[in-house]
Protein backbone atom coordinates (compact mmCIF):
# COMPACT_ATOMS: atom_id res chain seq x y z
CA MET A 1 -101.37 146.82 109.22
CA GLY A 2 -103.17 148.69 106.43
CA LYS A 3 -105.51 147.14 103.89
CA LEU A 4 -102.86 147.27 101.12
CA GLN A 5 -100.31 145.60 103.37
CA GLN A 6 -102.85 142.85 104.20
CA GLN A 7 -103.45 142.21 100.48
CA VAL A 8 -99.71 142.02 99.83
CA ALA A 9 -99.34 139.52 102.69
CA VAL A 10 -102.18 137.40 101.33
CA LEU A 11 -100.72 137.42 97.85
CA SER A 12 -97.32 136.57 99.29
CA ARG A 13 -98.72 133.49 101.05
CA ALA A 14 -100.55 132.44 97.86
CA ASP A 15 -97.30 132.74 95.97
CA GLN A 16 -95.58 130.64 98.62
CA LEU A 17 -98.24 127.98 98.18
CA ARG A 18 -97.69 127.95 94.43
CA LEU A 19 -93.94 127.66 94.94
CA ARG A 20 -94.44 124.61 97.15
CA ILE A 21 -96.69 123.04 94.53
CA ASP A 22 -94.13 123.86 91.84
CA HIS A 23 -91.48 122.12 93.92
CA ALA A 24 -93.62 119.00 94.37
CA GLU A 25 -94.39 118.82 90.64
CA LYS A 26 -90.68 118.86 89.85
CA ILE A 27 -90.10 115.69 91.89
CA LEU A 28 -90.51 113.32 88.96
CA ARG A 29 -88.68 110.39 90.54
CA PHE A 30 -88.98 109.24 94.10
CA ASP A 31 -86.96 106.02 94.20
CA THR A 32 -84.68 107.33 96.97
CA PRO A 33 -85.59 107.97 100.62
CA ASP A 34 -84.83 111.69 100.34
CA ALA A 35 -87.04 112.14 97.26
CA ALA A 36 -89.92 110.21 98.82
CA ARG A 37 -89.72 112.22 102.06
CA ASP A 38 -89.46 115.46 100.11
CA LEU A 39 -92.57 114.73 98.06
CA LEU A 40 -94.76 113.69 100.98
CA ALA A 41 -93.56 116.49 103.27
CA THR A 42 -94.06 119.09 100.53
CA LEU A 43 -97.55 117.79 99.80
CA HIS A 44 -98.41 117.96 103.47
CA GLU A 45 -97.08 121.49 103.82
CA ALA A 46 -98.83 122.70 100.66
CA HIS A 47 -102.18 121.24 101.72
CA ARG A 48 -101.92 122.82 105.14
CA MET A 49 -100.95 126.19 103.62
CA ALA A 50 -103.96 126.00 101.28
CA ASP A 51 -106.30 125.15 104.16
CA GLN A 52 -105.05 128.01 106.28
CA LEU A 53 -105.13 130.51 103.43
CA GLN A 54 -108.69 129.46 102.55
CA ARG A 55 -109.84 129.93 106.14
CA GLU A 56 -108.19 133.30 106.60
CA SER A 57 -108.87 134.71 103.13
CA PRO A 58 -111.96 133.02 101.68
CA GLN A 59 -112.08 135.63 98.88
CA ILE A 60 -108.95 134.10 97.29
CA ASP A 61 -109.80 131.61 94.53
CA LEU A 62 -107.62 128.55 95.17
CA ARG A 63 -109.37 126.19 92.78
CA PRO A 64 -106.39 126.00 90.39
CA GLU A 65 -104.04 125.23 93.28
CA ARG A 66 -106.47 122.66 94.72
CA ALA A 67 -106.63 120.94 91.32
CA ARG A 68 -102.84 120.79 91.10
CA LEU A 69 -102.63 119.36 94.61
CA SER A 70 -105.27 116.77 93.79
CA GLY A 71 -103.23 115.70 90.77
CA LEU A 72 -100.16 115.36 92.97
CA ASP A 73 -102.16 113.29 95.48
CA ASP A 74 -103.23 110.99 92.66
CA ARG A 75 -99.65 110.61 91.51
CA ALA A 76 -98.51 109.72 95.00
CA LEU A 77 -101.24 107.12 95.35
CA ARG A 78 -100.49 105.62 91.94
CA ASN A 79 -96.91 105.19 93.07
CA ALA A 80 -97.72 104.17 96.63
CA LYS A 81 -95.71 100.97 96.45
CA SER A 82 -92.62 102.74 95.10
CA LEU A 83 -92.83 105.48 97.70
CA VAL A 84 -93.17 103.08 100.60
CA LYS A 85 -90.34 100.95 99.24
CA ALA A 86 -88.11 104.02 98.90
CA LEU A 87 -88.83 104.96 102.50
CA GLY A 88 -87.68 101.54 103.64
CA GLY A 89 -90.94 99.64 103.97
CA MET A 90 -94.29 100.02 105.66
CA ALA A 91 -92.88 100.42 109.17
CA ALA A 92 -90.58 103.23 108.05
CA PHE A 93 -93.46 104.91 106.22
CA GLU A 94 -95.66 104.79 109.33
CA GLN A 95 -92.86 106.21 111.45
CA PHE A 96 -92.37 109.05 108.97
CA ARG A 97 -96.11 109.78 108.81
CA GLN A 98 -96.28 110.10 112.60
CA GLN A 99 -94.02 113.15 112.38
CA PHE A 100 -96.91 115.08 110.82
CA ASP A 101 -100.45 115.88 111.94
CA ALA A 102 -101.84 113.44 109.38
CA GLN A 103 -105.63 113.23 109.31
CA PRO A 104 -107.77 110.30 108.12
CA ASP A 105 -108.92 112.20 105.03
CA ASP A 106 -105.40 113.25 103.95
CA ARG A 107 -105.20 111.32 100.69
CA TRP A 108 -101.44 111.73 100.26
CA TRP A 109 -100.87 109.85 103.51
CA GLN A 110 -103.11 106.89 102.57
CA LEU A 111 -100.36 104.93 100.83
CA ASP A 112 -100.81 101.89 103.05
CA ALA A 113 -104.53 101.77 102.31
CA LYS A 114 -103.85 102.10 98.58
CA ILE A 115 -101.33 99.25 98.64
CA ALA A 116 -103.77 97.05 100.55
CA LEU A 117 -106.53 97.90 98.05
CA ASP A 118 -104.27 97.06 95.09
CA ARG A 119 -103.41 93.72 96.67
CA ARG A 120 -107.08 92.88 97.19
CA ARG A 121 -107.87 93.80 93.59
CA LEU A 122 -104.97 91.70 92.33
CA LEU A 123 -106.14 88.76 94.41
CA GLN A 124 -109.66 89.18 93.07
CA ARG A 125 -108.37 89.26 89.48
CA LEU A 126 -106.24 86.18 90.05
CA LEU A 127 -109.17 84.42 91.63
CA THR A 128 -111.40 85.37 88.71
CA VAL A 129 -108.83 84.16 86.20
CA GLY A 130 -108.34 80.97 88.19
CA VAL A 131 -112.05 80.27 88.25
CA ALA A 132 -112.31 80.99 84.52
CA LEU A 133 -109.39 78.68 83.74
CA ALA A 134 -110.85 75.97 85.92
CA ALA A 135 -114.20 76.32 84.16
CA LEU A 136 -112.47 76.21 80.79
CA GLY A 137 -110.58 73.11 81.87
CA VAL A 138 -113.83 71.40 82.79
CA VAL A 139 -115.38 72.33 79.44
CA VAL A 140 -112.32 71.09 77.54
CA PHE A 141 -112.31 67.86 79.54
CA LEU A 142 -115.99 67.22 78.91
CA ALA A 143 -115.66 68.09 75.23
CA ARG A 144 -112.31 66.42 74.70
CA ASP A 145 -113.72 63.85 72.30
CA VAL A 146 -115.15 66.63 70.14
CA LEU A 147 -112.22 69.04 70.38
CA PHE A 148 -109.53 66.37 70.13
CA PRO A 149 -111.08 63.40 68.37
CA TYR A 150 -109.22 60.11 68.46
CA ASN A 151 -107.08 59.64 65.35
CA PRO A 152 -105.67 56.11 65.27
CA VAL A 153 -103.17 56.93 62.52
CA SER A 154 -101.57 60.04 64.00
CA ASP A 155 -101.69 58.60 67.51
CA ALA A 156 -100.01 55.38 66.38
CA VAL A 157 -97.30 57.27 64.47
CA SER A 158 -96.65 59.56 67.43
CA ASN A 159 -96.44 56.66 69.88
CA ALA A 160 -94.27 54.61 67.52
CA GLY A 161 -91.92 57.56 67.09
CA ALA A 162 -91.53 57.85 70.85
CA ARG A 163 -90.78 54.10 71.13
CA PHE A 164 -88.29 54.38 68.27
CA ASP A 165 -86.51 57.27 69.98
CA ALA A 166 -86.20 55.10 73.08
CA GLY A 167 -84.55 52.40 70.97
CA ASP A 168 -87.38 49.89 71.36
CA LEU A 169 -88.20 48.77 67.81
CA PRO A 170 -90.55 45.90 68.81
CA ALA A 171 -92.59 48.33 70.93
CA ALA A 172 -92.68 50.81 68.06
CA LEU A 173 -93.95 48.08 65.73
CA ALA A 174 -96.58 47.11 68.32
CA GLU A 175 -97.87 50.70 68.31
CA ILE A 176 -98.18 50.62 64.53
CA GLU A 177 -99.99 47.26 64.67
CA ALA A 178 -102.40 48.70 67.22
CA GLY A 179 -103.10 51.57 64.86
CA LEU A 180 -103.66 49.19 61.96
CA ASN A 181 -106.25 47.31 64.00
CA ALA A 182 -108.29 50.53 64.02
CA ALA A 183 -107.29 51.71 60.52
CA PRO A 184 -106.27 48.65 58.47
CA ASP A 185 -106.31 50.59 55.19
CA SER A 186 -103.88 53.29 56.34
CA MET A 187 -101.13 53.59 53.75
CA GLU A 188 -99.05 55.67 56.19
CA LEU A 189 -99.17 53.02 58.92
CA LEU A 190 -98.34 50.25 56.47
CA ALA A 191 -95.35 52.26 55.23
CA TRP A 192 -94.23 52.65 58.83
CA LYS A 193 -94.68 48.94 59.40
CA GLY A 194 -92.50 48.15 56.40
CA ILE A 195 -89.77 50.50 57.57
CA LEU A 196 -89.71 49.12 61.10
CA LEU A 197 -89.66 45.53 59.86
CA ARG A 198 -86.79 46.44 57.55
CA LEU A 199 -84.86 47.98 60.42
CA MET A 200 -85.46 44.82 62.42
CA GLY A 201 -84.02 42.72 59.57
CA ASN A 202 -87.27 41.16 58.39
CA THR A 203 -86.93 41.97 54.69
CA ASP A 204 -89.70 39.73 53.36
CA ALA A 205 -92.32 41.00 55.80
CA SER A 206 -91.12 44.54 55.12
CA GLU A 207 -91.71 44.22 51.35
CA GLN A 208 -95.10 42.67 52.00
CA ALA A 209 -96.09 45.69 54.12
CA PHE A 210 -94.84 48.09 51.44
CA ASN A 211 -96.88 46.25 48.78
CA GLN A 212 -99.95 46.51 50.98
CA ALA A 213 -99.34 50.23 51.39
CA ARG A 214 -99.20 50.65 47.61
CA GLN A 215 -102.69 49.18 47.35
CA TYR A 216 -104.10 52.06 49.41
CA ALA A 217 -102.00 54.81 47.83
CA ARG A 218 -103.49 57.09 45.17
CA ASP A 219 -100.46 56.35 42.99
CA GLU A 220 -96.74 55.63 43.18
CA VAL A 221 -95.93 59.27 43.86
CA ASP A 222 -98.25 59.24 46.87
CA PHE A 223 -96.62 56.10 48.23
CA TYR A 224 -93.01 57.24 47.86
CA LEU A 225 -93.68 60.71 49.27
CA THR A 226 -95.39 59.18 52.30
CA ARG A 227 -92.62 56.66 52.85
CA ALA A 228 -89.96 59.36 52.48
CA GLN A 229 -91.60 61.35 55.25
CA ALA A 230 -91.55 58.30 57.51
CA TYR A 231 -87.89 57.71 56.65
CA ILE A 232 -87.15 61.26 57.79
CA ARG A 233 -88.69 60.52 61.18
CA VAL A 234 -86.38 57.52 61.72
CA GLY A 235 -83.30 59.29 60.36
CA ARG A 236 -82.82 57.19 57.21
CA TYR A 237 -81.70 60.09 55.04
CA ASP A 238 -80.25 58.03 52.18
CA ASP A 239 -83.62 56.33 51.84
CA VAL A 240 -85.34 59.73 51.91
CA ILE A 241 -83.22 60.87 48.97
CA ALA A 242 -83.78 57.59 47.12
CA ASP A 243 -87.56 57.80 47.44
CA ALA A 244 -87.53 61.47 46.40
CA ASP A 245 -85.47 60.50 43.34
CA VAL A 246 -88.10 57.93 42.38
CA VAL A 247 -90.82 60.58 42.65
CA LEU A 248 -88.84 63.05 40.51
CA ALA A 249 -88.34 60.39 37.85
CA ILE A 250 -92.14 60.08 37.68
CA ALA A 251 -93.05 63.73 38.34
CA PRO A 252 -90.07 66.03 37.58
CA ASN A 253 -91.90 69.13 38.80
CA SER A 254 -92.85 67.78 42.22
CA ALA A 255 -92.09 70.54 44.71
CA ASP A 256 -92.78 68.10 47.56
CA ALA A 257 -90.12 65.72 46.30
CA TYR A 258 -87.50 68.47 46.07
CA TYR A 259 -88.40 69.63 49.57
CA LEU A 260 -88.10 66.12 51.01
CA ARG A 261 -84.84 65.54 49.17
CA ALA A 262 -83.52 68.79 50.64
CA THR A 263 -84.39 67.46 54.08
CA GLY A 264 -82.49 64.26 53.31
CA TYR A 265 -79.39 66.14 52.25
CA GLU A 266 -79.61 68.41 55.27
CA GLY A 267 -79.83 65.36 57.51
CA LYS A 268 -76.67 64.01 55.89
CA GLY A 269 -74.92 67.32 56.50
CA ASP A 270 -74.77 68.32 52.82
CA VAL A 271 -75.97 71.90 53.21
CA TYR A 272 -75.03 72.82 49.62
CA GLN A 273 -77.31 70.20 48.06
CA ALA A 274 -79.99 70.95 50.63
CA MET A 275 -80.03 74.60 49.57
CA LEU A 276 -80.16 73.71 45.88
CA ASN A 277 -83.14 71.42 46.39
CA VAL A 278 -85.10 73.61 48.77
CA ASP A 279 -84.64 76.56 46.41
CA ARG A 280 -86.03 74.48 43.55
CA ALA A 281 -88.91 73.39 45.79
CA ALA A 282 -89.75 77.04 46.43
CA GLN A 283 -89.71 77.86 42.71
CA LEU A 284 -92.00 74.97 41.79
CA ALA A 285 -94.33 75.62 44.73
CA GLN A 286 -94.70 79.24 43.66
CA GLU A 287 -95.43 78.24 40.06
CA ALA A 288 -98.06 75.74 41.29
CA GLY A 289 -99.70 78.29 43.60
CA ASN A 290 -98.80 76.26 46.70
CA ASP A 291 -98.32 79.25 49.01
CA ALA A 292 -97.84 77.19 52.18
CA LEU A 293 -95.01 75.09 50.75
CA TYR A 294 -93.47 78.13 49.07
CA ALA A 295 -93.33 80.02 52.37
CA LEU A 296 -91.94 76.99 54.18
CA ALA A 297 -89.28 76.42 51.55
CA ARG A 298 -88.16 80.05 51.55
CA TYR A 299 -87.87 79.94 55.33
CA ARG A 300 -85.79 76.76 55.17
CA TYR A 301 -83.58 78.33 52.51
CA ALA A 302 -82.98 81.36 54.73
CA MET A 303 -82.00 79.10 57.62
CA LEU A 304 -79.58 77.17 55.42
CA MET A 305 -78.03 80.44 54.25
CA GLN A 306 -76.41 80.69 57.65
CA ALA A 307 -73.83 78.21 56.38
CA ASN A 308 -72.84 80.84 53.75
CA ILE A 309 -72.94 78.33 50.90
CA LEU A 310 -74.70 79.76 47.85
CA PRO A 311 -76.01 77.41 45.14
CA THR A 312 -74.51 77.92 41.70
CA ALA A 313 -76.04 75.05 39.76
CA ALA A 314 -79.41 73.40 39.36
CA PRO A 315 -80.12 70.34 41.54
CA THR A 316 -79.74 66.91 40.04
CA PRO A 317 -83.19 65.91 38.72
């Protein structure tokens, strides 16, 4: 064979190598057994062709081809789990690999090692997160009194609400009494006490509790707004509306009163009146610069719109 013929043969083998690499790069998905086998077999063949060509013709610069093959190796390793799964599992992968003269440093055949490494790293991350969460739990537990200080009022209301939901009014009243032992000047707890006593039929004691609550309220508006909120919790929607009406008679531009009255009407199933009142609450809150109540009222209005009832008149003041 002449020198020119040898060069043509060398170039022909280099072109064949590039064609094999081209083929491997076109295998974008390997979620089927045939695609997975094709990718790995093509990688193996291309690497062996490159090794042989480099040995026999060291003057040929194969750095571009080596870089492309390295990128394909990386892609195979990144998708090691998918490739092994497509082949039918680890046993099937090992059986397929044995059909080739795989060497320990053949990266494209190290899928099992890559999967094992990923599992170890995942376990380490989970362990680290677990330790961190455990440490955080210890810190929160030790600092619980600082992070979650005892609030006799909110705790008593929460516990009383749970007892009320269970239908145990005496137990609910006992929770409120326990809260009053720690916070005897709590207008909210006294309002709750009056409501529960009223529900239990003890009218005189109920009025006495309400009168005590008034003593600790800033004014009548404060008392009726607070009691209306408690009435909402126990589902006394007519009383909610009545207390809101009292507030509006005293303070006609009370956005809070309109919002509470909307809640009362919604509880009674009167979506039309609820929308009228919550819309007025939003207007007044915006005028007063109460952004939090304005946003809450607009959200409630949007939810009520689902009933497709549009207000056409102003709410009854």
